[in-house]
Structures are given as C-alpha cells and as structure tokens.
Amino acid sequence: LPKYKKLERSPVKQKSIGLMIIATGKYDEFVQGLISSADNYFFKNNQNIDVTYYVFGDKDFPIVSKRPIAKIHIEHRPFPYATLDRFKHFIDHSGALSNNDYLYYVDVDCLFVDYVGEEILGELVGTQHCGFFNLKGPVESNPKSVIYVAPHYHKQYKNYFGGSFSGGTSKKYLELAKWCNEMSDIDQANGIIPVHNDES
C-alpha cells in the first residue's frame, strides 16, 4: 500500500511583547533585579513569544539579560510627575512600541516571583491594587478634576486597579495611554494633581 502523506503542522505565529520599565533618578538601582526576575518568570521558555525590555531612563547604566533591551532616554521629573508622565512617554515613543503585538508596563521596584504567561494576553489587562484587594479603593474626590467620581457612583466600583502592572495589545494599550495622557494634561493645565496620581 502507498505510504500516508506526512501531516504538516500549521506554523504557530510568533508573538512579540514589549515590557516597559521607567527608571529615572534613584530608581535605576532596581532595574537589574526586575529584569533578572522577568528573565526567570515572565514568559520563560515560551518559544512562541519574543520579549523585549524597553527601559526609559535618564542615564546610561549596564543591564544584563539574554533578551533584547531597548534604552529610551527621558528626563527625570520629581514626584508626582515621574508617575503622571508615564503615559506621555509611551505616546512619545509609540512608533517603536507599536511594533510589538502586546505591551505591558511594570513598576521598576517590583519583582516577578512566579510564572507569568499567556493568561495575561488580552486587549486590556490590569491588576488589583495590593492594598485594596477585593475592596473598594479611593476615587478622585475633587469635582474640578476630569476624573472626578461623584459619590452616587461609588457603589459601582467593586475592584480597585493599581498602576504597578498593566498592558494589553499594543493598539488598545496605546489608545488607553493617549486618553490617560490627555486627561492628565487637562488637569495639570488647570493646576490639579489627582490625589492618587495615576491610580485614580
């Protein structure tokens, strides 16, 4: 009898992830620890995912990793602007960032302590604030702010999402970053700093 034809598997599309880190001022001391932990836990041994680290910083310093590292120079601004400006940095460099299928941001003073993989792939992804896990968190109470939440809406907020880790598809995440940056610019132009900065 003739031999069966060899089955050919459909090639799995390679996906790319950009992991964004902001480290200006004294925060550069945390970069290597975070990247080493990401090397060990963030999409470790996943052959279909390419991870590139995007490090936004105000000075050059050595970083060790087998993964690609893109360093992007930004100026340091004191708190709270270092926090509020994150979305501006993402939009200013959206040309390079949008080359990735997915983008994720993580605070530089965090560490990955367990495996993170394809369960986080989605259009928009956030994490609950560690200090308000399964609790209602604070919302903006200044009625002059563009992100003010009136008291009669407070009961609708069941989970409070923090700013330390978020992401999604590059298209959706950059759209979100653009909106957040525009809202922040409006408040700052009116002399308003949200009480919880980016967390609100």
C-alpha atoms as a PDB file:
ATOM      1  CA  LEU A   1       0.000   0.000   0.000  1.00  0.00           C
ATOM      2  CA  PRO A   2       1.172   3.567  -0.589  1.00  0.00           C
ATOM      3  CA  LYS A   3       2.523   5.421   2.448  1.00  0.00           C
ATOM      4  CA  TYR A   4       0.350   8.015   4.116  1.00  0.00           C
ATOM      5  CA  LYS A   5       1.263  11.597   3.336  1.00  0.00           C
ATOM      6  CA  LYS A   6       3.169  13.253   6.141  1.00  0.00           C
ATOM      7  CA  LEU A   7       0.994  15.602   8.159  1.00  0.00           C
ATOM      8  CA  GLU A   8       2.268  19.155   8.223  1.00  0.00           C
ATOM      9  CA  ARG A   9       1.519  21.306  11.219  1.00  0.00           C
ATOM     10  CA  SER A  10       0.407  24.853  10.670  1.00  0.00           C
ATOM     11  CA  PRO A  11       3.174  27.190  11.801  1.00  0.00           C
ATOM     12  CA  VAL A  12       2.432  28.956  15.086  1.00  0.00           C
ATOM     13  CA  LYS A  13       2.604  32.731  14.662  1.00  0.00           C
ATOM     14  CA  GLN A  14       5.394  34.245  16.689  1.00  0.00           C
ATOM     15  CA  LYS A  15       4.159  36.990  19.022  1.00  0.00           C
ATOM     16  CA  SER A  16       6.159  39.873  20.456  1.00  0.00           C
ATOM     17  CA  ILE A  17       5.827  41.538  23.842  1.00  0.00           C
ATOM     18  CA  GLY A  18       7.348  44.800  24.974  1.00  0.00           C
ATOM     19  CA  LEU A  19       7.832  45.043  28.745  1.00  0.00           C
ATOM     20  CA  MET A  20       8.142  48.738  29.640  1.00  0.00           C
ATOM     21  CA  ILE A  21      10.059  49.961  32.684  1.00  0.00           C
ATOM     22  CA  ILE A  22      10.615  53.556  33.813  1.00  0.00           C
ATOM     23  CA  ALA A  23      13.736  54.165  35.889  1.00  0.00           C
ATOM     24  CA  THR A  24      14.783  57.767  36.420  1.00  0.00           C
ATOM     25  CA  GLY A  25      16.518  59.373  39.374  1.00  0.00           C
ATOM     26  CA  LYS A  26      17.404  56.859  42.078  1.00  0.00           C
ATOM     27  CA  TYR A  27      15.164  54.141  40.623  1.00  0.00           C
ATOM     28  CA  ASP A  28      17.838  52.831  38.262  1.00  0.00           C
ATOM     29  CA  GLU A  29      19.101  50.680  41.150  1.00  0.00           C
ATOM     30  CA  PHE A  30      16.008  48.458  40.804  1.00  0.00           C
ATOM     31  CA  VAL A  31      16.286  47.730  37.073  1.00  0.00           C
ATOM     32  CA  GLN A  32      18.624  44.733  37.131  1.00  0.00           C
ATOM     33  CA  GLY A  33      16.631  42.978  39.860  1.00  0.00           C
ATOM     34  CA  LEU A  34      13.372  43.424  37.964  1.00  0.00           C
ATOM     35  CA  ILE A  35      14.839  42.293  34.641  1.00  0.00           C
ATOM     36  CA  SER A  36      16.509  39.253  36.217  1.00  0.00           C
ATOM     37  CA  SER A  37      13.179  38.273  37.781  1.00  0.00           C
ATOM     38  CA  ALA A  38      11.433  38.769  34.417  1.00  0.00           C
ATOM     39  CA  ASP A  39      14.063  36.592  32.745  1.00  0.00           C
ATOM     40  CA  ASN A  40      13.184  33.847  35.225  1.00  0.00           C
ATOM     41  CA  TYR A  41       9.387  34.166  35.309  1.00  0.00           C
ATOM     42  CA  PHE A  42       7.939  36.397  32.567  1.00  0.00           C
ATOM     43  CA  PHE A  43       7.102  34.155  29.579  1.00  0.00           C
ATOM     44  CA  LYS A  44      10.027  31.899  30.490  1.00  0.00           C
ATOM     45  CA  ASN A  45      10.655  29.077  27.973  1.00  0.00           C
ATOM     46  CA  ASN A  46       7.770  30.147  25.737  1.00  0.00           C
ATOM     47  CA  GLN A  47       9.104  29.518  22.230  1.00  0.00           C
ATOM     48  CA  ASN A  48       6.280  31.477  20.552  1.00  0.00           C
ATOM     49  CA  ILE A  49       6.829  34.738  22.438  1.00  0.00           C
ATOM     50  CA  ASP A  50       9.676  37.200  21.927  1.00  0.00           C
ATOM     51  CA  VAL A  51      10.152  39.628  24.829  1.00  0.00           C
ATOM     52  CA  THR A  52      11.938  42.963  24.529  1.00  0.00           C
ATOM     53  CA  TYR A  53      12.619  45.190  27.530  1.00  0.00           C
ATOM     54  CA  TYR A  54      12.046  48.920  26.995  1.00  0.00           C
ATOM     55  CA  VAL A  55      13.901  50.805  29.706  1.00  0.00           C
ATOM     56  CA  PHE A  56      13.036  54.503  29.948  1.00  0.00           C
ATOM     57  CA  GLY A  57      15.777  56.262  31.903  1.00  0.00           C
ATOM     58  CA  ASP A  58      17.679  59.495  32.350  1.00  0.00           C
ATOM     59  CA  LYS A  59      21.163  57.957  32.431  1.00  0.00           C
ATOM     60  CA  ASP A  60      23.016  55.028  30.924  1.00  0.00           C
ATOM     61  CA  PHE A  61      23.822  52.007  33.101  1.00  0.00           C
ATOM     62  CA  PRO A  62      24.655  48.365  32.374  1.00  0.00           C
ATOM     63  CA  ILE A  63      21.848  45.781  32.239  1.00  0.00           C
ATOM     64  CA  VAL A  64      22.440  42.051  31.857  1.00  0.00           C
ATOM     65  CA  SER A  65      19.898  39.871  30.024  1.00  0.00           C
ATOM     66  CA  LYS A  66      19.813  37.431  27.122  1.00  0.00           C
ATOM     67  CA  ARG A  67      16.709  39.227  25.861  1.00  0.00           C
ATOM     68  CA  PRO A  68      16.829  42.388  23.725  1.00  0.00           C
ATOM     69  CA  ILE A  69      16.952  45.666  25.658  1.00  0.00           C
ATOM     70  CA  ALA A  70      15.928  48.988  24.131  1.00  0.00           C
ATOM     71  CA  LYS A  71      17.025  52.004  26.162  1.00  0.00           C
ATOM     72  CA  ILE A  72      14.984  55.161  25.712  1.00  0.00           C
ATOM     73  CA  HIS A  73      16.270  58.436  27.154  1.00  0.00           C
ATOM     74  CA  ILE A  74      13.776  60.565  29.085  1.00  0.00           C
ATOM     75  CA  GLU A  75      14.292  63.426  31.526  1.00  0.00           C
ATOM     76  CA  HIS A  76      13.711  62.899  35.232  1.00  0.00           C
ATOM     77  CA  ARG A  77      10.947  64.895  36.868  1.00  0.00           C
ATOM     78  CA  PRO A  78      10.265  64.765  40.619  1.00  0.00           C
ATOM     79  CA  PHE A  79       7.238  63.036  42.130  1.00  0.00           C
ATOM     80  CA  PRO A  80       4.363  63.107  41.270  1.00  0.00           C
ATOM     81  CA  TYR A  81       5.325  63.946  37.677  1.00  0.00           C
ATOM     82  CA  ALA A  82       7.552  60.890  37.330  1.00  0.00           C
ATOM     83  CA  THR A  83       4.357  58.898  37.842  1.00  0.00           C
ATOM     84  CA  LEU A  84       1.965  61.103  35.889  1.00  0.00           C
ATOM     85  CA  ASP A  85       4.256  61.350  32.856  1.00  0.00           C
ATOM     86  CA  ARG A  86       4.427  57.611  32.139  1.00  0.00           C
ATOM     87  CA  PHE A  87       1.665  57.720  29.531  1.00  0.00           C
ATOM     88  CA  LYS A  88       3.291  60.716  27.839  1.00  0.00           C
ATOM     89  CA  HIS A  89       6.493  58.682  27.428  1.00  0.00           C
ATOM     90  CA  PHE A  90       4.569  55.780  25.907  1.00  0.00           C
ATOM     91  CA  ILE A  91       2.820  58.063  23.411  1.00  0.00           C
ATOM     92  CA  ASP A  92       6.037  59.928  22.531  1.00  0.00           C
ATOM     93  CA  HIS A  93       7.660  56.583  21.627  1.00  0.00           C
ATOM     94  CA  SER A  94       4.586  54.824  20.245  1.00  0.00           C
ATOM     95  CA  GLY A  95       6.302  54.339  16.876  1.00  0.00           C
ATOM     96  CA  ALA A  96       8.792  51.851  18.331  1.00  0.00           C
ATOM     97  CA  LEU A  97       6.410  50.382  20.888  1.00  0.00           C
ATOM     98  CA  SER A  98       3.639  49.657  18.374  1.00  0.00           C
ATOM     99  CA  ASN A  99       5.924  47.181  16.580  1.00  0.00           C
ATOM    100  CA  ASN A 100       5.063  44.726  19.375  1.00  0.00           C
ATOM    101  CA  ASP A 101       1.886  42.656  19.453  1.00  0.00           C
ATOM    102  CA  TYR A 102       1.471  43.325  23.193  1.00  0.00           C
ATOM    103  CA  LEU A 103       2.743  45.961  25.615  1.00  0.00           C
ATOM    104  CA  TYR A 104       2.972  45.701  29.397  1.00  0.00           C
ATOM    105  CA  TYR A 105       4.146  48.221  31.950  1.00  0.00           C
ATOM    106  CA  VAL A 106       5.573  47.233  35.341  1.00  0.00           C
ATOM    107  CA  ASP A 107       6.804  49.470  38.169  1.00  0.00           C
ATOM    108  CA  VAL A 108      10.580  49.240  38.405  1.00  0.00           C
ATOM    109  CA  ASP A 109      10.532  48.477  42.142  1.00  0.00           C
ATOM    110  CA  CYS A 110       8.516  45.281  41.582  1.00  0.00           C
ATOM    111  CA  LEU A 111       9.758  41.724  41.136  1.00  0.00           C
ATOM    112  CA  PHE A 112       8.229  38.741  39.350  1.00  0.00           C
ATOM    113  CA  VAL A 113       8.052  35.921  41.904  1.00  0.00           C
ATOM    114  CA  ASP A 114       6.017  33.351  39.974  1.00  0.00           C
ATOM    115  CA  TYR A 115       5.453  32.352  36.358  1.00  0.00           C
ATOM    116  CA  VAL A 116       3.519  34.770  34.171  1.00  0.00           C
ATOM    117  CA  GLY A 117       2.443  33.534  30.758  1.00  0.00           C
ATOM    118  CA  GLU A 118      -0.308  33.516  28.178  1.00  0.00           C
ATOM    119  CA  GLU A 119      -3.045  34.020  30.784  1.00  0.00           C
ATOM    120  CA  ILE A 120      -2.300  37.766  30.656  1.00  0.00           C
ATOM    121  CA  LEU A 121      -2.690  38.100  26.884  1.00  0.00           C
ATOM    122  CA  GLY A 122      -5.780  40.220  26.227  1.00  0.00           C
ATOM    123  CA  GLU A 123      -6.902  43.542  24.794  1.00  0.00           C
ATOM    124  CA  LEU A 124      -6.534  45.354  28.130  1.00  0.00           C
ATOM    125  CA  VAL A 125      -5.205  43.806  31.317  1.00  0.00           C
ATOM    126  CA  GLY A 126      -4.880  45.229  34.813  1.00  0.00           C
ATOM    127  CA  THR A 127      -4.134  44.033  38.323  1.00  0.00           C
ATOM    128  CA  GLN A 128      -5.959  44.753  41.525  1.00  0.00           C
ATOM    129  CA  HIS A 129      -4.131  47.098  43.874  1.00  0.00           C
ATOM    130  CA  CYS A 130      -2.359  45.024  46.522  1.00  0.00           C
ATOM    131  CA  GLY A 131      -3.554  47.367  49.278  1.00  0.00           C
ATOM    132  CA  PHE A 132      -7.206  47.150  48.193  1.00  0.00           C
ATOM    133  CA  PHE A 133      -7.520  43.538  47.024  1.00  0.00           C
ATOM    134  CA  ASN A 134     -11.244  42.784  46.533  1.00  0.00           C
ATOM    135  CA  LEU A 135     -12.036  46.087  48.219  1.00  0.00           C
ATOM    136  CA  LYS A 136     -13.297  49.454  47.038  1.00  0.00           C
ATOM    137  CA  GLY A 137     -10.379  51.794  46.689  1.00  0.00           C
ATOM    138  CA  PRO A 138     -10.284  55.592  46.813  1.00  0.00           C
ATOM    139  CA  VAL A 139     -11.550  57.585  43.850  1.00  0.00           C
ATOM    140  CA  GLU A 140     -10.928  61.183  42.839  1.00  0.00           C
ATOM    141  CA  SER A 141     -12.981  63.487  45.070  1.00  0.00           C
ATOM    142  CA  ASN A 142     -12.043  66.864  43.560  1.00  0.00           C
ATOM    143  CA  PRO A 143     -15.053  67.948  41.442  1.00  0.00           C
ATOM    144  CA  LYS A 144     -12.764  70.167  39.336  1.00  0.00           C
ATOM    145  CA  SER A 145     -10.747  67.157  38.130  1.00  0.00           C
ATOM    146  CA  VAL A 146     -11.638  65.486  34.826  1.00  0.00           C
ATOM    147  CA  ILE A 147     -11.550  62.116  36.606  1.00  0.00           C
ATOM    148  CA  TYR A 148     -13.842  63.140  39.468  1.00  0.00           C
ATOM    149  CA  VAL A 149     -16.220  60.389  40.558  1.00  0.00           C
ATOM    150  CA  ALA A 150     -19.449  61.626  42.130  1.00  0.00           C
ATOM    151  CA  PRO A 151     -20.460  59.899  45.406  1.00  0.00           C
ATOM    152  CA  HIS A 152     -23.580  58.271  43.908  1.00  0.00           C
ATOM    153  CA  TYR A 153     -21.302  56.317  41.524  1.00  0.00           C
ATOM    154  CA  HIS A 154     -19.004  54.966  44.261  1.00  0.00           C
ATOM    155  CA  LYS A 155     -21.059  51.812  44.834  1.00  0.00           C
ATOM    156  CA  GLN A 156     -20.387  50.718  41.230  1.00  0.00           C
ATOM    157  CA  TYR A 157     -16.649  50.364  41.902  1.00  0.00           C
ATOM    158  CA  LYS A 158     -16.100  46.858  43.232  1.00  0.00           C
ATOM    159  CA  ASN A 159     -12.402  46.406  42.437  1.00  0.00           C
ATOM    160  CA  TYR A 160      -9.594  48.932  42.625  1.00  0.00           C
ATOM    161  CA  PHE A 161      -6.925  48.518  39.971  1.00  0.00           C
ATOM    162  CA  GLY A 162      -3.402  49.739  40.671  1.00  0.00           C
ATOM    163  CA  GLY A 163      -0.910  51.257  38.284  1.00  0.00           C
ATOM    164  CA  SER A 164       2.001  48.896  39.019  1.00  0.00           C
ATOM    165  CA  PHE A 165       1.208  46.397  36.232  1.00  0.00           C
ATOM    166  CA  SER A 166      -0.996  46.847  33.189  1.00  0.00           C
ATOM    167  CA  GLY A 167      -0.978  46.151  29.491  1.00  0.00           C
ATOM    168  CA  GLY A 168      -2.728  44.630  26.515  1.00  0.00           C
ATOM    169  CA  THR A 169      -2.484  44.653  22.757  1.00  0.00           C
ATOM    170  CA  SER A 170      -0.235  47.464  21.610  1.00  0.00           C
ATOM    171  CA  LYS A 171      -3.129  49.117  19.751  1.00  0.00           C
ATOM    172  CA  LYS A 172      -5.531  49.119  22.713  1.00  0.00           C
ATOM    173  CA  TYR A 173      -2.904  49.946  25.315  1.00  0.00           C
ATOM    174  CA  LEU A 174      -1.561  52.912  23.373  1.00  0.00           C
ATOM    175  CA  GLU A 175      -5.144  54.139  22.886  1.00  0.00           C
ATOM    176  CA  LEU A 176      -5.608  53.946  26.653  1.00  0.00           C
ATOM    177  CA  ALA A 177      -2.272  55.696  27.236  1.00  0.00           C
ATOM    178  CA  LYS A 178      -3.290  58.505  24.870  1.00  0.00           C
ATOM    179  CA  TRP A 179      -6.558  59.033  26.755  1.00  0.00           C
ATOM    180  CA  CYS A 180      -4.855  58.947  30.168  1.00  0.00           C
ATOM    181  CA  ASN A 181      -2.216  61.407  28.985  1.00  0.00           C
ATOM    182  CA  GLU A 182      -4.839  63.813  27.617  1.00  0.00           C
ATOM    183  CA  MET A 183      -6.823  63.719  30.875  1.00  0.00           C
ATOM    184  CA  SER A 184      -3.660  64.274  32.909  1.00  0.00           C
ATOM    185  CA  ASP A 185      -2.668  67.232  30.708  1.00  0.00           C
ATOM    186  CA  ILE A 186      -6.080  68.852  31.201  1.00  0.00           C
ATOM    187  CA  ASP A 187      -5.849  68.544  34.978  1.00  0.00           C
ATOM    188  CA  GLN A 188      -2.267  69.827  35.093  1.00  0.00           C
ATOM    189  CA  ALA A 189      -3.169  72.792  32.851  1.00  0.00           C
ATOM    190  CA  ASN A 190      -5.819  73.652  35.454  1.00  0.00           C
ATOM    191  CA  GLY A 191      -3.355  73.289  38.338  1.00  0.00           C
ATOM    192  CA  ILE A 192      -4.861  69.999  39.517  1.00  0.00           C
ATOM    193  CA  ILE A 193      -2.869  66.944  40.577  1.00  0.00           C
ATOM    194  CA  PRO A 194      -5.101  63.908  41.256  1.00  0.00           C
ATOM    195  CA  VAL A 195      -4.788  62.898  44.892  1.00  0.00           C
ATOM    196  CA  HIS A 196      -3.804  59.346  43.976  1.00  0.00           C
ATOM    197  CA  ASN A 197      -1.924  60.320  40.804  1.00  0.00           C
ATOM    198  CA  ASP A 198      -2.171  57.640  38.126  1.00  0.00           C
ATOM    199  CA  GLU A 199      -4.045  55.260  40.448  1.00  0.00           C
ATOM    200  CA  SER A 200      -7.250  57.279  40.056  1.00  0.00           C
END
